N, C-alpha and C. Protein backbone atom coordinates (compact mmCIF):
# COMPACT_ATOMS: atom_id res chain seq x y z
N UNK A 1 -26.94 19.86 -43.91
CA UNK A 1 -25.79 18.91 -44.33
C UNK A 1 -25.03 19.24 -45.51
N UNK A 2 -25.49 20.05 -46.34
CA UNK A 2 -24.92 20.37 -47.60
C UNK A 2 -23.70 21.61 -47.18
N UNK A 3 -24.08 22.25 -46.34
CA UNK A 3 -22.63 23.47 -46.05
C UNK A 3 -22.01 22.70 -45.07
N UNK A 4 -22.42 21.49 -44.21
CA UNK A 4 -21.23 20.84 -43.38
C UNK A 4 -20.29 20.15 -44.24
N UNK A 5 -20.87 19.45 -45.09
CA UNK A 5 -19.86 18.21 -45.99
C UNK A 5 -18.61 19.11 -46.47
N UNK A 6 -18.57 20.36 -46.96
CA UNK A 6 -17.41 20.79 -47.36
C UNK A 6 -16.27 21.06 -46.27
N UNK A 7 -17.04 21.52 -45.02
CA UNK A 7 -15.88 21.59 -43.75
C UNK A 7 -15.34 20.15 -43.54
N UNK A 8 -16.38 19.24 -43.62
CA UNK A 8 -16.07 17.88 -42.98
C UNK A 8 -14.82 17.49 -43.72
N UNK A 9 -14.99 17.71 -45.21
CA UNK A 9 -14.15 16.93 -46.17
C UNK A 9 -12.94 17.80 -45.97
N UNK A 10 -12.64 19.25 -45.64
CA UNK A 10 -11.65 20.11 -45.60
C UNK A 10 -10.85 19.63 -44.26
N UNK A 11 -11.64 19.52 -43.20
CA UNK A 11 -10.94 18.90 -42.08
C UNK A 11 -10.36 17.41 -42.21
N UNK A 12 -10.95 16.79 -42.85
CA UNK A 12 -10.47 15.09 -42.86
C UNK A 12 -9.19 15.03 -43.76
N UNK A 13 -9.31 16.18 -44.82
CA UNK A 13 -8.22 16.18 -45.66
C UNK A 13 -6.61 16.80 -44.63
N UNK A 14 -7.06 17.86 -44.09
CA UNK A 14 -6.20 18.35 -43.12
C UNK A 14 -5.50 17.60 -42.17
N UNK A 15 -6.47 16.68 -41.57
CA UNK A 15 -5.87 15.86 -40.72
C UNK A 15 -4.84 14.46 -41.62
N UNK A 16 -5.23 14.06 -42.69
CA UNK A 16 -4.47 13.44 -43.32
C UNK A 16 -3.04 13.90 -43.58
N UNK A 17 -2.94 15.28 -43.87
CA UNK A 17 -1.68 15.78 -44.14
C UNK A 17 -0.98 15.61 -42.71
N UNK A 18 -1.86 16.07 -41.57
CA UNK A 18 -0.92 16.44 -40.25
C UNK A 18 -0.81 14.82 -39.94
N UNK A 19 -1.50 14.13 -40.07
CA UNK A 19 -0.98 12.78 -39.51
C UNK A 19 0.46 12.22 -40.32
N UNK A 20 0.56 12.50 -41.43
CA UNK A 20 1.82 12.14 -42.21
C UNK A 20 2.77 13.12 -41.78
N UNK A 21 2.47 14.12 -41.31
CA UNK A 21 3.59 14.65 -40.65
C UNK A 21 3.81 14.22 -38.99
N UNK A 22 3.10 14.26 -38.55
CA UNK A 22 3.23 13.76 -37.01
C UNK A 22 3.92 12.11 -37.16
N UNK A 23 3.53 11.41 -37.95
CA UNK A 23 4.36 10.20 -38.13
C UNK A 23 5.47 10.12 -38.39
N UNK A 24 5.98 10.99 -39.67
CA UNK A 24 7.25 10.71 -40.13
C UNK A 24 8.20 11.72 -38.94
N UNK A 25 7.43 12.85 -38.36
CA UNK A 25 8.41 13.41 -37.51
C UNK A 25 8.77 12.39 -36.14
N UNK A 26 7.57 11.68 -35.70
CA UNK A 26 7.61 11.33 -34.33
C UNK A 26 8.12 9.45 -34.37
N UNK A 27 7.62 9.05 -35.68
CA UNK A 27 7.59 7.41 -35.46
C UNK A 27 6.56 7.02 -35.26
N UNK A 28 5.35 7.39 -35.33
CA UNK A 28 4.39 6.84 -34.42
C UNK A 28 4.04 5.61 -34.56
N UNK A 29 4.48 4.74 -35.55
CA UNK A 29 4.63 3.19 -35.65
C UNK A 29 3.47 2.56 -36.35
N UNK A 30 2.82 3.55 -37.35
CA UNK A 30 1.99 2.86 -38.16
C UNK A 30 2.66 2.87 -39.48
N UNK A 31 3.02 3.95 -40.40
CA UNK A 31 3.65 3.94 -41.53
C UNK A 31 5.10 4.25 -41.17
N UNK A 32 5.55 4.87 -40.17
CA UNK A 32 6.95 5.09 -39.93
C UNK A 32 7.31 4.53 -38.31
N UNK A 33 8.05 3.75 -38.21
CA UNK A 33 8.67 3.26 -36.83
C UNK A 33 9.22 4.09 -36.04
N UNK A 34 9.30 4.27 -34.93
CA UNK A 34 9.95 5.37 -33.82
C UNK A 34 11.69 5.42 -34.24
N UNK A 35 11.99 4.23 -34.63
CA UNK A 35 13.39 4.14 -35.03
C UNK A 35 13.76 4.78 -36.71
N UNK A 36 12.88 5.16 -37.14
CA UNK A 36 12.95 5.77 -38.65
C UNK A 36 12.59 6.93 -38.57
N UNK A 37 12.11 7.54 -37.50
CA UNK A 37 11.47 9.10 -37.21
C UNK A 37 12.73 10.15 -38.05
N UNK A 38 12.13 11.24 -38.27
CA UNK A 38 12.82 12.39 -38.45
C UNK A 38 13.45 13.07 -37.11
N UNK A 39 12.89 12.91 -36.05
CA UNK A 39 13.50 13.23 -35.23
C UNK A 39 14.89 12.61 -34.49
N UNK A 40 15.11 11.41 -35.02
CA UNK A 40 16.50 10.67 -34.58
C UNK A 40 17.19 10.63 -35.99
N UNK A 41 17.08 11.38 -36.72
CA UNK A 41 17.93 11.63 -38.07
C UNK A 41 17.91 11.04 -39.16
N UNK A 42 16.73 10.41 -39.28
CA UNK A 42 16.44 9.74 -40.77
C UNK A 42 15.76 10.79 -41.54
N UNK A 43 15.89 10.51 -42.87
CA UNK A 43 15.13 11.37 -43.83
C UNK A 43 13.65 10.82 -43.85
N UNK A 44 12.99 11.82 -43.86
CA UNK A 44 11.37 11.48 -44.13
C UNK A 44 10.83 10.96 -45.47
N UNK A 45 11.80 11.36 -46.46
CA UNK A 45 11.50 11.18 -47.80
C UNK A 45 12.14 9.74 -48.54
N UNK A 46 13.31 9.72 -47.80
CA UNK A 46 14.02 8.46 -48.69
C UNK A 46 13.74 7.27 -48.92
N UNK A 47 12.78 6.53 -47.70
CA UNK A 47 12.15 5.09 -48.17
C UNK A 47 11.34 5.34 -49.04
N UNK A 48 10.47 6.30 -49.28
CA UNK A 48 9.70 6.27 -50.36
C UNK A 48 10.34 6.63 -52.04
N UNK A 49 11.18 7.55 -51.88
CA UNK A 49 11.76 7.95 -53.09
C UNK A 49 12.76 7.02 -53.41
N UNK A 50 13.42 6.30 -52.67
CA UNK A 50 14.37 5.11 -53.05
C UNK A 50 13.61 3.81 -53.48
N UNK A 51 12.84 3.36 -52.84
CA UNK A 51 12.12 2.47 -52.99
C UNK A 51 10.65 2.09 -53.51
N UNK A 52 9.68 3.22 -53.63
CA UNK A 52 8.48 2.94 -54.21
C UNK A 52 8.34 3.79 -55.42
N UNK A 53 9.45 4.36 -55.98
CA UNK A 53 9.09 5.26 -57.21
C UNK A 53 9.32 4.25 -58.11
N UNK A 54 8.56 4.73 -59.56
CA UNK A 54 8.69 3.58 -60.66
C UNK A 54 8.71 4.60 -61.85
N UNK A 55 8.72 3.72 -63.14
CA UNK A 55 8.22 4.57 -64.36
C UNK A 55 9.28 5.52 -64.82
N UNK A 56 8.87 6.36 -66.01
CA UNK A 56 9.69 7.35 -66.58
C UNK A 56 10.47 8.21 -65.77
N UNK A 57 9.85 8.59 -64.52
CA UNK A 57 10.36 9.47 -63.64
C UNK A 57 11.20 9.14 -62.51
N UNK A 58 11.25 8.09 -62.33
CA UNK A 58 11.77 7.11 -61.28
C UNK A 58 13.38 7.66 -60.82
N UNK A 59 14.34 7.84 -61.86
CA UNK A 59 15.41 7.99 -61.66
C UNK A 59 15.70 9.60 -61.31
N UNK A 60 14.55 10.47 -61.61
CA UNK A 60 14.92 11.95 -61.20
C UNK A 60 14.34 11.96 -59.68
N UNK A 61 13.24 11.30 -59.09
CA UNK A 61 12.82 10.98 -57.80
C UNK A 61 13.76 10.58 -57.07
N UNK A 62 14.45 9.33 -57.72
CA UNK A 62 15.55 8.70 -56.52
C UNK A 62 16.67 9.78 -56.27
N UNK A 63 16.97 10.35 -57.06
CA UNK A 63 18.00 11.26 -56.98
C UNK A 63 17.90 12.45 -56.02
N UNK A 64 16.58 12.65 -55.57
CA UNK A 64 16.00 13.53 -54.42
C UNK A 64 16.22 12.85 -53.24
N UNK A 65 16.13 11.51 -53.14
CA UNK A 65 16.28 10.73 -51.74
C UNK A 65 17.16 11.16 -50.96
N UNK A 66 16.85 11.67 -49.64
CA UNK A 66 17.85 11.97 -48.64
C UNK A 66 18.43 13.52 -48.49
N UNK A 67 17.84 14.34 -49.50
CA UNK A 67 18.46 15.36 -49.88
C UNK A 67 17.54 16.33 -48.40
N UNK A 68 18.50 17.20 -47.68
CA UNK A 68 17.74 17.97 -46.47
C UNK A 68 16.69 18.86 -47.38
N UNK A 69 17.06 19.31 -48.26
CA UNK A 69 16.23 20.64 -48.62
C UNK A 69 14.63 19.97 -48.97
N UNK A 70 14.93 19.00 -49.57
CA UNK A 70 13.66 18.11 -50.22
C UNK A 70 12.96 17.63 -48.86
N UNK A 71 13.64 17.12 -47.97
CA UNK A 71 12.95 16.77 -46.64
C UNK A 71 12.15 17.67 -45.94
N UNK A 72 12.99 18.70 -45.81
CA UNK A 72 12.52 20.28 -45.08
C UNK A 72 11.20 20.74 -45.84
N UNK A 73 11.37 21.02 -47.37
CA UNK A 73 10.16 21.46 -48.00
C UNK A 73 8.99 20.29 -48.11
N UNK A 74 9.34 18.84 -47.79
CA UNK A 74 8.17 18.03 -47.86
C UNK A 74 7.14 18.03 -46.47
N UNK A 75 8.09 18.09 -45.31
CA UNK A 75 7.59 18.15 -43.83
C UNK A 75 7.01 19.66 -43.72
N UNK A 76 7.45 20.77 -44.20
CA UNK A 76 6.89 22.22 -44.04
C UNK A 76 5.38 21.85 -44.79
N UNK A 77 5.74 21.35 -46.23
CA UNK A 77 4.17 21.45 -46.62
C UNK A 77 3.30 20.37 -46.24
N UNK A 78 3.54 19.33 -45.34
CA UNK A 78 2.77 18.44 -44.85
C UNK A 78 2.15 19.33 -43.55
N UNK A 79 2.91 19.96 -42.70
CA UNK A 79 2.22 20.72 -41.80
C UNK A 79 1.57 21.79 -42.24
N UNK A 80 2.31 22.87 -43.11
CA UNK A 80 1.38 23.82 -43.76
C UNK A 80 -0.03 23.60 -44.20
N UNK A 81 -0.05 22.42 -45.01
CA UNK A 81 -1.26 22.14 -45.71
C UNK A 81 -2.26 21.62 -44.63
N UNK A 82 -1.81 20.64 -43.83
CA UNK A 82 -2.46 20.07 -42.89
C UNK A 82 -3.32 21.26 -42.10
N UNK A 83 -2.19 22.05 -41.24
CA UNK A 83 -2.79 23.14 -40.54
C UNK A 83 -3.71 24.09 -41.12
N UNK A 84 -3.55 24.53 -42.48
CA UNK A 84 -4.34 25.52 -43.15
C UNK A 84 -5.64 24.65 -43.15
N UNK A 85 -5.91 23.42 -43.72
CA UNK A 85 -6.99 22.78 -43.97
C UNK A 85 -8.01 22.50 -42.61
N UNK A 86 -6.94 22.21 -41.53
CA UNK A 86 -7.78 21.88 -40.26
C UNK A 86 -8.39 23.11 -39.90
N UNK A 87 -7.52 24.19 -40.01
CA UNK A 87 -8.10 25.64 -39.26
C UNK A 87 -9.14 26.39 -40.38
N UNK A 88 -8.82 26.14 -41.72
CA UNK A 88 -9.61 26.82 -42.53
C UNK A 88 -9.05 27.92 -43.17
N UNK A 89 -7.72 28.19 -43.02
CA UNK A 89 -7.25 29.50 -43.25
C UNK A 89 -6.29 29.17 -44.39
N UNK A 90 -6.25 30.54 -45.39
CA UNK A 90 -5.13 30.45 -46.21
C UNK A 90 -5.54 29.16 -47.32
N UNK A 91 -6.88 28.82 -47.71
CA UNK A 91 -6.91 27.33 -48.43
C UNK A 91 -6.45 27.79 -49.81
N UNK A 92 -6.50 28.56 -50.52
CA UNK A 92 -6.25 28.85 -51.80
C UNK A 92 -4.61 28.85 -52.02
N UNK A 93 -3.75 29.08 -51.14
CA UNK A 93 -2.41 28.91 -51.22
C UNK A 93 -2.33 27.45 -50.91
N UNK A 94 -2.88 26.94 -49.72
CA UNK A 94 -2.56 25.70 -49.24
C UNK A 94 -3.13 24.52 -49.99
N UNK A 95 -4.13 24.81 -50.91
CA UNK A 95 -4.66 24.04 -51.92
C UNK A 95 -3.59 23.76 -52.93
N UNK A 96 -3.17 24.93 -53.57
CA UNK A 96 -2.05 24.90 -54.72
C UNK A 96 -0.89 24.18 -53.96
N UNK A 97 -0.57 24.29 -52.81
CA UNK A 97 0.67 23.64 -52.21
C UNK A 97 0.31 22.35 -52.12
N UNK A 98 -0.76 21.77 -51.65
CA UNK A 98 -1.29 20.39 -51.46
C UNK A 98 -1.47 19.85 -52.80
N UNK A 99 -2.15 20.34 -53.89
CA UNK A 99 -2.13 19.65 -55.18
C UNK A 99 -0.75 19.69 -55.55
N UNK A 100 0.17 20.32 -55.41
CA UNK A 100 1.22 20.20 -56.18
C UNK A 100 2.28 19.00 -55.46
N UNK A 101 1.93 18.83 -54.33
CA UNK A 101 2.64 17.68 -53.47
C UNK A 101 2.04 16.34 -54.01
N UNK A 102 0.70 16.50 -54.28
CA UNK A 102 -0.34 15.27 -54.65
C UNK A 102 0.29 14.86 -56.15
N UNK A 103 0.58 16.12 -57.10
CA UNK A 103 0.94 15.91 -58.48
C UNK A 103 2.38 15.09 -58.52
N UNK A 104 3.43 15.77 -57.66
CA UNK A 104 4.62 15.04 -57.44
C UNK A 104 4.63 13.89 -57.09
N UNK A 105 3.86 13.27 -56.17
CA UNK A 105 3.60 11.95 -55.78
C UNK A 105 2.94 10.83 -56.88
N UNK A 106 2.05 11.70 -57.58
CA UNK A 106 1.53 10.83 -58.64
C UNK A 106 2.51 10.86 -59.62
N UNK A 107 3.24 11.36 -60.18
CA UNK A 107 4.03 11.34 -60.86
C UNK A 107 5.49 10.32 -60.77
N UNK A 108 5.55 10.27 -59.46
CA UNK A 108 6.80 9.46 -59.01
C UNK A 108 6.23 7.98 -58.89
N UNK A 109 4.98 7.48 -58.92
CA UNK A 109 4.35 6.52 -59.25
C UNK A 109 4.00 5.99 -60.55
N UNK A 110 4.15 7.02 -61.41
CA UNK A 110 3.57 6.80 -62.73
C UNK A 110 4.51 5.76 -63.53
N UNK A 111 3.73 4.86 -64.45
CA UNK A 111 2.54 4.59 -64.63
C UNK A 111 1.89 3.87 -63.22
N UNK A 112 0.43 3.88 -63.26
CA UNK A 112 -0.01 3.44 -62.18
C UNK A 112 -0.41 2.19 -62.27
N UNK A 113 -0.44 1.32 -61.20
CA UNK A 113 -0.77 -0.06 -61.23
C UNK A 113 -2.04 -0.56 -61.11
N UNK A 114 -3.06 -0.04 -60.30
CA UNK A 114 -4.41 -0.04 -60.40
C UNK A 114 -5.25 0.60 -61.48
N UNK A 115 -5.06 1.53 -61.96
CA UNK A 115 -5.54 2.32 -62.84
C UNK A 115 -4.94 3.05 -63.68
N UNK A 116 -4.93 3.42 -65.11
CA UNK A 116 -3.83 3.89 -65.77
C UNK A 116 -3.78 5.09 -65.71
N UNK A 117 -4.91 5.84 -65.34
CA UNK A 117 -4.79 7.25 -65.52
C UNK A 117 -5.31 8.05 -63.75
N UNK A 118 -6.15 7.53 -63.26
CA UNK A 118 -6.52 8.21 -61.88
C UNK A 118 -6.15 7.21 -60.78
N UNK A 119 -5.58 7.99 -59.55
CA UNK A 119 -5.36 7.54 -58.37
C UNK A 119 -5.90 8.32 -57.53
N UNK A 120 -5.69 7.98 -56.30
CA UNK A 120 -6.04 9.24 -54.82
C UNK A 120 -5.43 10.20 -54.83
N UNK A 121 -4.02 10.37 -55.39
CA UNK A 121 -3.63 11.55 -55.46
C UNK A 121 -4.16 12.59 -56.33
N UNK A 122 -4.83 12.27 -57.65
CA UNK A 122 -5.19 13.01 -58.34
C UNK A 122 -6.70 13.25 -57.59
N UNK A 123 -7.20 12.63 -57.35
CA UNK A 123 -8.54 12.83 -56.39
C UNK A 123 -8.52 13.48 -55.27
N UNK A 124 -7.43 13.86 -54.46
CA UNK A 124 -6.81 14.58 -53.52
C UNK A 124 -6.79 16.04 -53.83
N UNK A 125 -5.97 16.00 -54.79
CA UNK A 125 -5.63 17.23 -55.48
C UNK A 125 -6.84 18.20 -56.02
N UNK A 126 -7.52 17.52 -56.58
CA UNK A 126 -8.59 18.03 -57.13
C UNK A 126 -9.87 18.50 -55.98
N UNK A 127 -10.07 17.85 -55.07
CA UNK A 127 -10.95 17.87 -53.98
C UNK A 127 -10.32 19.15 -53.52
N UNK A 128 -8.86 19.19 -52.92
CA UNK A 128 -8.25 20.54 -52.49
C UNK A 128 -8.41 21.90 -53.45
N UNK A 129 -8.42 21.77 -54.40
CA UNK A 129 -8.89 22.84 -55.08
C UNK A 129 -10.10 23.01 -54.92
N UNK A 130 -10.92 22.12 -55.20
CA UNK A 130 -12.49 22.52 -55.16
C UNK A 130 -12.88 23.04 -53.89
N UNK A 131 -12.55 22.41 -52.70
CA UNK A 131 -12.72 23.12 -51.55
C UNK A 131 -12.28 24.33 -51.46
N UNK A 132 -11.22 24.85 -51.88
CA UNK A 132 -10.80 26.44 -51.72
C UNK A 132 -11.49 27.23 -52.63
N UNK A 133 -12.24 26.66 -53.66
CA UNK A 133 -13.13 27.66 -54.15
C UNK A 133 -14.40 27.91 -53.41
N UNK A 134 -14.79 26.92 -52.76
CA UNK A 134 -16.15 26.79 -52.11
C UNK A 134 -16.09 27.98 -50.79
N UNK A 135 -15.11 28.61 -50.16
CA UNK A 135 -14.87 29.10 -49.10
C UNK A 135 -15.18 27.83 -47.88
N UNK A 136 -14.40 27.04 -48.08
CA UNK A 136 -14.85 25.77 -46.99
C UNK A 136 -14.41 26.22 -45.57
N UNK A 137 -13.24 27.35 -45.67
CA UNK A 137 -12.59 27.57 -44.17
C UNK A 137 -13.88 28.54 -43.49
N UNK A 138 -14.91 29.00 -44.26
CA UNK A 138 -15.77 29.73 -43.55
C UNK A 138 -16.81 28.99 -42.57
N UNK A 139 -16.74 27.45 -42.92
CA UNK A 139 -17.69 26.83 -42.12
C UNK A 139 -16.99 25.95 -41.25
N UNK A 140 -17.09 25.96 -39.59
CA UNK A 140 -16.36 25.13 -38.83
C UNK A 140 -14.74 25.68 -38.84
N UNK A 141 -14.54 26.90 -39.35
CA UNK A 141 -13.09 27.31 -39.47
C UNK A 141 -12.75 28.62 -39.37
N UNK A 142 -11.87 29.16 -39.15
CA UNK A 142 -11.47 30.66 -39.17
C UNK A 142 -11.17 31.57 -40.26
N UNK A 143 -11.93 30.95 -41.22
CA UNK A 143 -11.73 31.54 -42.64
C UNK A 143 -12.13 33.02 -42.56
N UNK A 144 -13.30 33.36 -42.06
CA UNK A 144 -13.74 34.89 -42.16
C UNK A 144 -12.62 35.71 -41.09
N UNK A 145 -12.20 35.27 -39.86
CA UNK A 145 -11.62 35.81 -39.10
C UNK A 145 -10.29 36.01 -39.66
N UNK A 146 -9.73 35.21 -40.42
CA UNK A 146 -8.54 35.12 -41.36
C UNK A 146 -8.43 36.07 -42.19
N UNK A 147 -9.54 36.20 -42.84
CA UNK A 147 -9.69 37.13 -44.37
C UNK A 147 -9.50 38.62 -43.77
N UNK A 148 -9.90 38.97 -42.40
CA UNK A 148 -9.92 40.31 -41.74
C UNK A 148 -8.45 40.64 -41.18
N UNK A 149 -7.61 39.61 -41.06
CA UNK A 149 -6.32 39.90 -40.01
C UNK A 149 -5.34 40.74 -41.04
N UNK A 150 -4.50 41.23 -40.39
CA UNK A 150 -3.36 42.11 -40.89
C UNK A 150 -2.41 41.39 -42.03
N UNK A 151 -1.97 40.14 -41.42
CA UNK A 151 -1.37 39.23 -42.55
C UNK A 151 -2.08 39.15 -43.85
N UNK A 152 -3.11 38.90 -43.76
CA UNK A 152 -3.88 38.70 -45.17
C UNK A 152 -3.76 40.07 -45.74
N UNK A 153 -4.39 41.09 -45.21
CA UNK A 153 -4.21 42.71 -45.62
C UNK A 153 -3.00 43.00 -46.31
N UNK A 154 -1.97 42.45 -45.85
CA UNK A 154 -0.42 42.46 -46.26
C UNK A 154 0.00 41.75 -47.37
N UNK A 155 -0.31 40.16 -47.25
CA UNK A 155 0.12 39.36 -47.96
C UNK A 155 -1.36 38.79 -48.85
N UNK A 156 -1.87 39.30 -49.98
CA UNK A 156 -3.04 38.92 -50.55
C UNK A 156 -3.09 37.55 -50.99
N UNK A 157 -2.16 37.07 -51.17
CA UNK A 157 -2.15 35.47 -51.94
C UNK A 157 -2.27 34.66 -50.56
N UNK A 158 -2.41 35.07 -49.53
CA UNK A 158 -2.99 34.08 -48.18
C UNK A 158 -4.44 34.29 -48.21
N UNK A 159 -5.13 35.29 -48.79
CA UNK A 159 -6.40 35.23 -48.71
C UNK A 159 -7.40 34.02 -48.84
N UNK A 160 -8.08 33.45 -48.38
CA UNK A 160 -8.99 32.33 -48.41
C UNK A 160 -9.49 32.31 -49.92
């Protein structure tokens, strides 16, 4: 069970990111209604950035709302991190990207309302970084095959 746990955590985190991507892309009806999806022309970041940001960094984050570059970076980040974690590939790069996304979300809601220091964004970021160090992509994932691929040999930063 000890060897399986990192893989289950890795895959679970991947699905969290992929669900967020598909929900915002298609409007699956839970967090995002179909009429507010990215596919019908809505910004996947504007609702959160306009209305959920608070604290000393709120003005900065609110200024990013609806920016197409921010929308594309956010959506590509969700898709890339989610895919990498589910498949167990490029985990070091994906964990840095995911941790950066979590840090930005943490800062956008600072100060925190439930706990003055730690929230789920910090836990997710730390967990992603930890899983990358464990080579968690090698268990129930494509980490070993990925490490031998031509793209990884050319682009070493994609190594697990």
